[in-house]
Amino acid sequence: MGVQHTPEGRPLPLPNPTTRPFFAAARERRLLLQHCPRDGWFFYPRSRCPACWGADWEWREASGRGVIHSFTVDRVGHLQPLRPLVPYAIAIVELAEGPRMTARIVDCDVDALAIGQEVAACYEGVGDTTLVHFTPA
């Protein structure tokens, strides 16, 4: 997946044919994940199941619920275009369906975040792209 930038320089994903359904669903405020008939759910979007290499997976709507598996807080603004967001948290969220997804945790006190904390998907429109974030549930 490529990268595009806002006029301010903020990096955004550049959807491709494989990831386009994920981002189209995000625009509708839905979390869509791939599901293999043999191996179950997987994330990040890819053309084949990472376990069996099958191409007969399908897109399914996920619950949008999960728990924080791990996280870090950027208090410095390592990426200049993201400095206005400091401090912000980036987490690995273990989704209720099983896969893990990296995303920002938003609308919270970053000092109150904890591993195992329940979170729910939320969405941010940035230009023509909708990003999936999570917020404490």
Foldseek 3Di string as FASTA:
>chain_A
DDWDADPLGHIDDDDDPQCVVQFVVVVVVWGKFKADPVPGTEDDGDQADPPPRDRPIDIDTAPQKFWFQDKDWDQDCPPVSCVVVPGWMWTFTQGPRGYTDIATEDDDDVVPHDGGFMWGWDWDDDPPTIDIHIYGD
